[in-house]
Amino acid sequence: MKRRKGIDNSVAQALAMVMQFGINMLVPICLMSALGIWLDRKYDTSFWMIVLFIAGAAAGAQNVYRMAKQVYGGDNKEPDKEQRRSSENSRKIEKEK
């Protein structure tokens, strides 16, 4: 099956982004929980898994927040090219008046 030229891959991109959000959340939780279970078994305790699960959830939430901020254009410290052009054009118009 041939692909047609000009087909929008927005569905595939959205699916990839959703999967990336999930992975960014699950990996820290799973790793920290596994470490907590190992520590609980090694030292015969019962609190490390809970503490490290919460730490993993916080780290995952921070990862998702950073990714969402980057994807959806959070704080842009430098204006993009279109904003610079429009501001330059408005300055030129003001000078002509």
N, C-alpha and C. Protein backbone atom coordinates (compact mmCIF):
# COMPACT_ATOMS: atom_id res chain seq x y z
N MET A 1 0.84 -1.17 0.00
CA MET A 1 0.00 0.00 0.00
C MET A 1 0.89 1.24 0.00
N LYS A 2 0.66 2.09 -0.97
CA LYS A 2 1.46 3.31 -1.08
C LYS A 2 0.83 4.43 -0.27
N ARG A 3 1.69 5.26 0.24
CA ARG A 3 1.22 6.45 0.94
C ARG A 3 0.99 7.56 -0.06
N ARG A 4 -0.05 8.30 0.18
CA ARG A 4 -0.31 9.46 -0.67
C ARG A 4 0.52 10.63 -0.18
N LYS A 5 0.95 11.44 -1.12
CA LYS A 5 1.72 12.62 -0.74
C LYS A 5 0.79 13.62 -0.07
N GLY A 6 1.31 14.25 0.95
CA GLY A 6 0.57 15.31 1.61
C GLY A 6 -0.38 14.84 2.70
N ILE A 7 -0.35 13.55 3.04
CA ILE A 7 -1.22 13.07 4.11
C ILE A 7 -0.69 13.58 5.44
N ASP A 8 -1.60 14.07 6.27
CA ASP A 8 -1.21 14.60 7.57
C ASP A 8 -1.00 13.46 8.55
N ASN A 9 0.11 13.44 9.23
CA ASN A 9 0.42 12.41 10.21
C ASN A 9 0.07 12.84 11.62
N SER A 10 -0.92 13.70 11.76
CA SER A 10 -1.23 14.24 13.08
C SER A 10 -1.73 13.17 14.04
N VAL A 11 -2.43 12.15 13.54
CA VAL A 11 -2.92 11.10 14.42
C VAL A 11 -1.75 10.32 14.99
N ALA A 12 -0.80 9.97 14.14
CA ALA A 12 0.38 9.23 14.60
C ALA A 12 1.20 10.07 15.57
N GLN A 13 1.33 11.35 15.30
CA GLN A 13 2.08 12.22 16.19
C GLN A 13 1.38 12.36 17.53
N ALA A 14 0.07 12.46 17.53
CA ALA A 14 -0.68 12.57 18.79
C ALA A 14 -0.56 11.28 19.60
N LEU A 15 -0.63 10.14 18.92
CA LEU A 15 -0.48 8.87 19.62
C LEU A 15 0.91 8.73 20.22
N ALA A 16 1.92 9.14 19.48
CA ALA A 16 3.29 9.09 19.99
C ALA A 16 3.45 9.99 21.20
N MET A 17 2.83 11.16 21.17
CA MET A 17 2.94 12.09 22.29
C MET A 17 2.24 11.53 23.53
N VAL A 18 1.07 10.92 23.35
CA VAL A 18 0.35 10.33 24.48
C VAL A 18 1.18 9.21 25.10
N MET A 19 1.79 8.38 24.24
CA MET A 19 2.64 7.29 24.75
C MET A 19 3.84 7.85 25.49
N GLN A 20 4.40 8.93 24.98
CA GLN A 20 5.56 9.54 25.64
C GLN A 20 5.18 10.11 27.00
N PHE A 21 4.00 10.72 27.11
CA PHE A 21 3.54 11.20 28.41
C PHE A 21 3.41 10.05 29.39
N GLY A 22 2.83 8.94 28.93
CA GLY A 22 2.66 7.77 29.79
C GLY A 22 3.98 7.19 30.24
N ILE A 23 4.90 7.07 29.32
CA ILE A 23 6.22 6.52 29.65
C ILE A 23 6.95 7.44 30.63
N ASN A 24 6.85 8.74 30.40
CA ASN A 24 7.49 9.70 31.31
C ASN A 24 6.92 9.63 32.72
N MET A 25 5.70 9.18 32.86
CA MET A 25 5.09 9.07 34.18
C MET A 25 5.37 7.70 34.81
N LEU A 26 5.30 6.64 34.02
CA LEU A 26 5.40 5.29 34.56
C LEU A 26 6.81 4.84 34.91
N VAL A 27 7.79 5.24 34.13
CA VAL A 27 9.16 4.76 34.36
C VAL A 27 9.68 5.15 35.74
N PRO A 28 9.61 6.41 36.16
CA PRO A 28 10.09 6.74 37.51
C PRO A 28 9.31 6.02 38.62
N ILE A 29 8.00 5.88 38.43
CA ILE A 29 7.19 5.20 39.44
C ILE A 29 7.63 3.74 39.56
N CYS A 30 7.77 3.05 38.43
CA CYS A 30 8.15 1.64 38.47
C CYS A 30 9.55 1.44 39.04
N LEU A 31 10.49 2.27 38.62
CA LEU A 31 11.86 2.11 39.12
C LEU A 31 11.96 2.38 40.61
N MET A 32 11.32 3.44 41.06
CA MET A 32 11.39 3.77 42.48
C MET A 32 10.63 2.74 43.33
N SER A 33 9.52 2.24 42.81
CA SER A 33 8.78 1.20 43.54
C SER A 33 9.60 -0.08 43.65
N ALA A 34 10.26 -0.46 42.56
CA ALA A 34 11.10 -1.66 42.58
C ALA A 34 12.24 -1.49 43.59
N LEU A 35 12.84 -0.31 43.61
CA LEU A 35 13.90 -0.04 44.59
C LEU A 35 13.34 -0.11 46.01
N GLY A 36 12.14 0.42 46.22
CA GLY A 36 11.51 0.37 47.54
C GLY A 36 11.21 -1.05 47.98
N ILE A 37 10.73 -1.88 47.07
CA ILE A 37 10.46 -3.29 47.40
C ILE A 37 11.75 -4.00 47.76
N TRP A 38 12.79 -3.73 46.98
CA TRP A 38 14.09 -4.37 47.25
C TRP A 38 14.62 -3.94 48.63
N LEU A 39 14.54 -2.65 48.93
CA LEU A 39 15.00 -2.17 50.24
C LEU A 39 14.17 -2.75 51.38
N ASP A 40 12.85 -2.85 51.18
CA ASP A 40 11.99 -3.43 52.22
C ASP A 40 12.36 -4.88 52.49
N ARG A 41 12.63 -5.63 51.44
CA ARG A 41 13.00 -7.03 51.63
C ARG A 41 14.39 -7.18 52.25
N LYS A 42 15.30 -6.32 51.83
CA LYS A 42 16.67 -6.43 52.32
C LYS A 42 16.76 -6.06 53.81
N TYR A 43 16.09 -5.00 54.22
CA TYR A 43 16.20 -4.51 55.59
C TYR A 43 14.99 -4.88 56.46
N ASP A 44 14.09 -5.71 55.93
CA ASP A 44 12.91 -6.18 56.65
C ASP A 44 12.11 -5.00 57.22
N THR A 45 11.81 -4.05 56.33
CA THR A 45 10.99 -2.89 56.69
C THR A 45 9.72 -2.91 55.86
N SER A 46 8.86 -1.94 56.08
CA SER A 46 7.62 -1.91 55.30
C SER A 46 7.22 -0.51 54.84
N PHE A 47 8.15 0.42 54.84
CA PHE A 47 7.78 1.78 54.46
C PHE A 47 8.51 2.31 53.23
N TRP A 48 9.63 1.71 52.83
CA TRP A 48 10.41 2.24 51.72
C TRP A 48 9.64 2.23 50.41
N MET A 49 8.86 1.21 50.17
CA MET A 49 8.11 1.14 48.92
C MET A 49 7.14 2.31 48.81
N ILE A 50 6.46 2.63 49.89
CA ILE A 50 5.49 3.72 49.87
C ILE A 50 6.19 5.06 49.67
N VAL A 51 7.27 5.28 50.40
CA VAL A 51 8.01 6.54 50.30
C VAL A 51 8.57 6.72 48.89
N LEU A 52 9.18 5.68 48.36
CA LEU A 52 9.80 5.79 47.04
C LEU A 52 8.76 5.82 45.92
N PHE A 53 7.60 5.19 46.13
CA PHE A 53 6.51 5.31 45.17
C PHE A 53 6.07 6.76 45.04
N ILE A 54 5.91 7.42 46.17
CA ILE A 54 5.50 8.84 46.17
C ILE A 54 6.57 9.70 45.51
N ALA A 55 7.84 9.41 45.80
CA ALA A 55 8.93 10.16 45.16
C ALA A 55 8.93 9.92 43.65
N GLY A 56 8.68 8.68 43.22
CA GLY A 56 8.62 8.38 41.79
C GLY A 56 7.45 9.06 41.12
N ALA A 57 6.31 9.12 41.80
CA ALA A 57 5.15 9.82 41.25
C ALA A 57 5.43 11.31 41.11
N ALA A 58 6.11 11.89 42.08
CA ALA A 58 6.45 13.31 42.00
C ALA A 58 7.43 13.57 40.85
N ALA A 59 8.41 12.68 40.70
CA ALA A 59 9.37 12.83 39.60
C ALA A 59 8.68 12.66 38.25
N GLY A 60 7.77 11.70 38.15
CA GLY A 60 7.02 11.50 36.91
C GLY A 60 6.15 12.69 36.57
N ALA A 61 5.49 13.24 37.57
CA ALA A 61 4.65 14.42 37.35
C ALA A 61 5.50 15.60 36.87
N GLN A 62 6.68 15.73 37.44
CA GLN A 62 7.57 16.81 37.02
C GLN A 62 8.02 16.60 35.57
N ASN A 63 8.32 15.36 35.20
CA ASN A 63 8.69 15.06 33.81
C ASN A 63 7.56 15.41 32.84
N VAL A 64 6.35 15.02 33.19
CA VAL A 64 5.19 15.29 32.33
C VAL A 64 4.95 16.79 32.23
N TYR A 65 5.09 17.50 33.34
CA TYR A 65 4.90 18.95 33.33
C TYR A 65 5.92 19.63 32.41
N ARG A 66 7.18 19.22 32.54
CA ARG A 66 8.22 19.82 31.69
C ARG A 66 7.98 19.53 30.22
N MET A 67 7.56 18.30 29.92
CA MET A 67 7.32 17.94 28.53
C MET A 67 6.12 18.71 27.98
N ALA A 68 5.06 18.82 28.76
CA ALA A 68 3.88 19.56 28.32
C ALA A 68 4.20 21.03 28.11
N LYS A 69 5.00 21.57 28.98
CA LYS A 69 5.41 22.97 28.85
C LYS A 69 6.21 23.18 27.57
N GLN A 70 7.07 22.22 27.26
CA GLN A 70 7.88 22.32 26.04
C GLN A 70 7.02 22.12 24.80
N VAL A 71 6.12 21.16 24.83
CA VAL A 71 5.29 20.86 23.66
C VAL A 71 4.30 21.98 23.38
N TYR A 72 3.65 22.48 24.41
CA TYR A 72 2.60 23.47 24.22
C TYR A 72 3.09 24.89 24.37
N GLY A 73 4.41 25.10 24.33
CA GLY A 73 4.97 26.44 24.28
C GLY A 73 4.73 27.25 25.53
N GLY A 74 5.29 26.79 26.62
CA GLY A 74 5.17 27.51 27.89
C GLY A 74 5.86 28.85 27.81
N ASP A 75 6.68 29.15 28.77
CA ASP A 75 7.38 30.43 28.82
C ASP A 75 8.46 30.47 27.75
N ASN A 76 8.19 31.21 26.70
CA ASN A 76 9.22 31.42 25.67
C ASN A 76 9.98 32.67 26.05
N LYS A 77 11.22 32.52 26.40
CA LYS A 77 12.01 33.67 26.81
C LYS A 77 12.41 34.51 25.61
N GLU A 78 12.52 33.87 24.45
CA GLU A 78 12.87 34.59 23.24
C GLU A 78 11.69 34.52 22.28
N PRO A 79 11.20 35.65 21.81
CA PRO A 79 10.07 35.62 20.89
C PRO A 79 10.46 34.93 19.58
N ASP A 80 9.51 34.25 18.98
CA ASP A 80 9.83 33.55 17.74
C ASP A 80 9.93 34.54 16.58
N LYS A 81 10.30 34.03 15.42
CA LYS A 81 10.58 34.89 14.27
C LYS A 81 9.38 35.70 13.83
N GLU A 82 8.19 35.08 13.86
CA GLU A 82 7.00 35.80 13.42
C GLU A 82 6.68 36.97 14.34
N GLN A 83 6.86 36.79 15.64
CA GLN A 83 6.60 37.88 16.58
C GLN A 83 7.59 39.01 16.36
N ARG A 84 8.86 38.65 16.09
CA ARG A 84 9.86 39.70 15.85
C ARG A 84 9.54 40.47 14.58
N ARG A 85 9.13 39.75 13.53
CA ARG A 85 8.80 40.41 12.27
C ARG A 85 7.62 41.35 12.44
N SER A 86 6.58 40.89 13.15
CA SER A 86 5.41 41.75 13.32
C SER A 86 5.76 42.99 14.13
N SER A 87 6.62 42.85 15.14
CA SER A 87 6.99 44.02 15.93
C SER A 87 7.87 44.97 15.11
N GLU A 88 8.72 44.41 14.24
CA GLU A 88 9.54 45.25 13.37
C GLU A 88 8.67 45.99 12.38
N ASN A 89 7.67 45.29 11.82
CA ASN A 89 6.77 45.94 10.87
C ASN A 89 5.97 47.05 11.53
N SER A 90 5.52 46.83 12.75
CA SER A 90 4.76 47.87 13.44
C SER A 90 5.64 49.08 13.74
N ARG A 91 6.92 48.85 14.04
CA ARG A 91 7.83 49.98 14.26
C ARG A 91 8.04 50.78 12.99
N LYS A 92 8.17 50.06 11.85
CA LYS A 92 8.35 50.76 10.56
C LYS A 92 7.13 51.62 10.25
N ILE A 93 5.94 51.08 10.49
CA ILE A 93 4.72 51.83 10.21
C ILE A 93 4.64 53.07 11.08
N GLU A 94 5.04 52.94 12.35
CA GLU A 94 5.00 54.08 13.25
C GLU A 94 6.00 55.15 12.81
N LYS A 95 7.16 54.74 12.31
CA LYS A 95 8.16 55.71 11.85
C LYS A 95 7.68 56.46 10.63
N GLU A 96 6.95 55.75 9.74
CA GLU A 96 6.45 56.39 8.52
C GLU A 96 5.40 57.45 8.82
N LYS A 97 4.67 57.28 9.90
CA LYS A 97 3.63 58.26 10.24
C LYS A 97 4.30 59.49 10.73
